[in-house]
Amino acid sequence: MKKFYITTTLPYVNAEPHLGFALEIVQADALARYKRLENREVFFNFGVDEHGLKIYRKAIEANKKPQKYCDEYALKFDALKQGL
């Protein structure tokens, strides 16, 4: 069985998920489903970018530890994916 790998961009977790990212998820999911219909083994990577000074500053601004801040936003992006 041929393998197929697809990923979305990894959005920064310094802002709420938005419609543009939702569109990207839907497009990637449609392609993954199509490849599965072709009997491909599909690996669909989805995640968030949790590094950078902007994210650190947003965490401090929110009075949270950076990892906790990132984890909370990662859940929001995952909820968006699950809801589509």
Foldseek 3Di string as FASTA:
>chain_A
DAADEEEFDAAALLDADDPVVLVRLVVRVVVQVVVVVVVHHYDYDYHHDQDDPSLCVSCVVVVHHSVVSRVVSRVRVVVSSVVD
